[in-house]
Amino acid sequence: MHVTVFSKIINGDIPCHKLYEDTHVLAFLDVAPLSEGHTLVIPKEAKAHLHELSDESAAALGRVLPRICRAVMKATGAQAYNLLQNNGSDAHQEVMHVHLHIIPKIDGAGLGLLWKPGKLDSDRARVLADRVRASL
């Protein structure tokens, strides 16, 4: 894994506004926030994509995410937020280190979303579901 801005933050080479840290996870304020309280939550394990993380790092993220979300909501007064995680440049990932965004929705600020839903074809869904289950 190559050195990223997040690995430099983990190593203390770049300062951050740290909100939470434990053995496996670091959370800090985003320097280019979409809204007040926009927070990044990263594993200390240096992997580019979520599916590459060890079970231990993934579980550590899952354990602390709700707690950090609650704290961000309480501190900002937000009543809603988005949780965003991108994997790969085609999915708009810019820093190739797993990271989750907690983005509060405050007075119209926050994540904008364009969602174009399609239709699920039953026959194709059945085949796809079988393939996914076989891969688990």
Protein backbone atom coordinates (compact mmCIF):
# COMPACT_ATOMS: atom_id res chain seq x y z
CA MET A 1 0.00 0.00 0.00
CA HIS A 2 1.37 3.39 -0.92
CA VAL A 3 1.58 6.30 1.51
CA THR A 4 -1.61 8.38 1.63
CA VAL A 5 -2.60 11.55 3.43
CA PHE A 6 -4.47 9.32 5.89
CA SER A 7 -1.42 7.21 6.70
CA LYS A 8 0.47 10.47 7.32
CA ILE A 9 -2.32 11.57 9.69
CA ILE A 10 -2.23 8.20 11.49
CA ASN A 11 1.56 8.50 11.86
CA GLY A 12 1.27 12.06 13.19
CA ASP A 13 3.10 13.58 10.21
CA ILE A 14 0.04 15.72 9.37
CA PRO A 15 -2.07 17.24 12.15
CA CYS A 16 -5.81 16.69 12.39
CA HIS A 17 -8.72 17.70 14.59
CA LYS A 18 -8.98 14.31 16.27
CA LEU A 19 -12.38 13.27 17.60
CA TYR A 20 -11.74 9.63 18.51
CA GLU A 21 -8.87 7.16 18.49
CA ASP A 22 -8.34 3.58 19.60
CA THR A 23 -6.02 0.76 18.55
CA HIS A 24 -7.79 0.22 15.21
CA VAL A 25 -9.72 3.40 14.34
CA LEU A 26 -9.16 7.14 14.03
CA ALA A 27 -11.89 9.76 13.54
CA PHE A 28 -11.26 13.42 12.75
CA LEU A 29 -12.92 16.44 11.16
CA ASP A 30 -12.75 16.66 7.35
CA VAL A 31 -10.65 19.64 6.19
CA ALA A 32 -13.02 20.18 3.24
CA PRO A 33 -16.40 19.70 4.95
CA LEU A 34 -19.75 19.55 3.21
CA SER A 35 -21.34 20.70 6.48
CA GLU A 36 -20.35 21.52 10.04
CA GLY A 37 -19.23 18.34 11.79
CA HIS A 38 -18.31 16.44 8.58
CA THR A 39 -16.19 13.66 10.05
CA LEU A 40 -13.89 11.03 8.57
CA VAL A 41 -13.61 7.64 10.27
CA ILE A 42 -10.68 5.52 9.12
CA PRO A 43 -9.19 2.18 10.05
CA LYS A 44 -5.52 2.28 10.97
CA GLU A 45 -5.07 -0.75 8.72
CA ALA A 46 -3.84 0.60 5.38
CA LYS A 47 -6.19 -0.86 2.78
CA ALA A 48 -7.70 0.96 -0.18
CA HIS A 49 -11.08 -0.81 -0.29
CA LEU A 50 -13.55 -1.97 2.34
CA HIS A 51 -13.54 -5.56 1.06
CA GLU A 52 -9.77 -5.73 1.66
CA LEU A 53 -9.99 -4.98 5.39
CA SER A 54 -9.39 -7.68 7.97
CA ASP A 55 -12.43 -8.79 9.94
CA GLU A 56 -10.84 -7.22 13.01
CA SER A 57 -10.54 -3.75 11.42
CA ALA A 58 -14.02 -3.95 9.90
CA ALA A 59 -15.53 -4.96 13.25
CA ALA A 60 -13.69 -2.12 14.99
CA LEU A 61 -15.20 0.38 12.52
CA GLY A 62 -18.66 -1.07 13.07
CA ARG A 63 -18.32 -0.89 16.84
CA VAL A 64 -17.45 2.82 16.95
CA LEU A 65 -19.45 4.25 14.04
CA PRO A 66 -22.78 4.53 15.90
CA ARG A 67 -21.08 6.18 18.87
CA ILE A 68 -19.29 8.72 16.68
CA CYS A 69 -22.49 9.43 14.71
CA ARG A 70 -24.36 10.09 17.96
CA ALA A 71 -21.62 12.44 19.17
CA VAL A 72 -21.52 14.38 15.88
CA MET A 73 -25.32 14.74 15.89
CA LYS A 74 -25.36 15.92 19.50
CA ALA A 75 -22.48 18.38 19.00
CA THR A 76 -23.92 19.89 15.80
CA GLY A 77 -27.63 19.68 16.58
CA ALA A 78 -28.15 17.79 13.31
CA GLN A 79 -31.29 15.69 13.10
CA ALA A 80 -30.09 13.74 10.05
CA TYR A 81 -26.83 12.70 8.41
CA ASN A 82 -25.42 10.66 5.56
CA LEU A 83 -22.86 7.91 5.97
CA LEU A 84 -20.77 7.60 2.80
CA GLN A 85 -18.05 5.13 1.86
CA ASN A 86 -16.63 4.87 -1.69
CA ASN A 87 -14.50 2.04 -3.11
CA GLY A 88 -12.38 2.75 -6.18
CA SER A 89 -11.86 5.81 -8.35
CA ASP A 90 -14.88 4.90 -10.52
CA ALA A 91 -16.95 5.20 -7.31
CA HIS A 92 -15.45 8.67 -6.59
CA GLN A 93 -12.85 7.52 -4.06
CA GLU A 94 -10.01 10.04 -4.01
CA VAL A 95 -7.85 8.85 -1.10
CA MET A 96 -7.00 5.19 -1.53
CA HIS A 97 -7.35 4.33 2.14
CA VAL A 98 -10.70 3.09 3.48
CA HIS A 99 -12.64 5.97 4.99
CA LEU A 100 -16.21 6.67 5.97
CA HIS A 101 -17.76 10.12 5.90
CA ILE A 102 -20.30 11.16 8.52
CA ILE A 103 -21.98 14.15 6.88
CA PRO A 104 -24.56 16.02 8.97
CA LYS A 105 -27.53 17.58 7.19
CA ILE A 106 -27.81 21.09 8.62
CA ASP A 107 -29.89 23.90 7.08
CA GLY A 108 -29.61 22.40 3.60
CA ALA A 109 -25.84 21.82 3.86
CA GLY A 110 -24.50 18.31 3.53
CA LEU A 111 -24.39 15.64 0.88
CA GLY A 112 -26.37 16.18 -2.32
CA LEU A 113 -27.53 13.01 -3.99
CA LEU A 114 -28.74 12.08 -7.45
CA TRP A 115 -30.37 8.65 -7.30
CA LYS A 116 -31.61 6.97 -10.48
CA PRO A 117 -33.33 3.76 -9.42
CA GLY A 118 -33.86 0.99 -11.94
CA LYS A 119 -36.02 -2.14 -11.75
CA LEU A 120 -34.96 -5.49 -10.35
CA ASP A 121 -35.63 -8.32 -12.81
CA SER A 122 -36.69 -11.45 -10.86
CA ASP A 123 -34.85 -13.96 -13.04
CA ARG A 124 -31.59 -11.99 -13.05
CA ALA A 125 -31.95 -11.33 -9.31
CA ARG A 126 -32.31 -15.04 -8.59
CA VAL A 127 -29.13 -15.86 -10.54
CA LEU A 128 -27.20 -12.99 -8.97
CA ALA A 129 -28.33 -13.90 -5.45
CA ASP A 130 -27.17 -17.49 -6.04
CA ARG A 131 -23.75 -16.24 -7.23
CA VAL A 132 -23.32 -13.91 -4.25
CA ARG A 133 -24.31 -16.61 -1.75
CA ALA A 134 -21.84 -19.02 -3.39
CA SER A 135 -19.10 -16.41 -2.95
CA LEU A 136 -19.70 -15.91 0.78
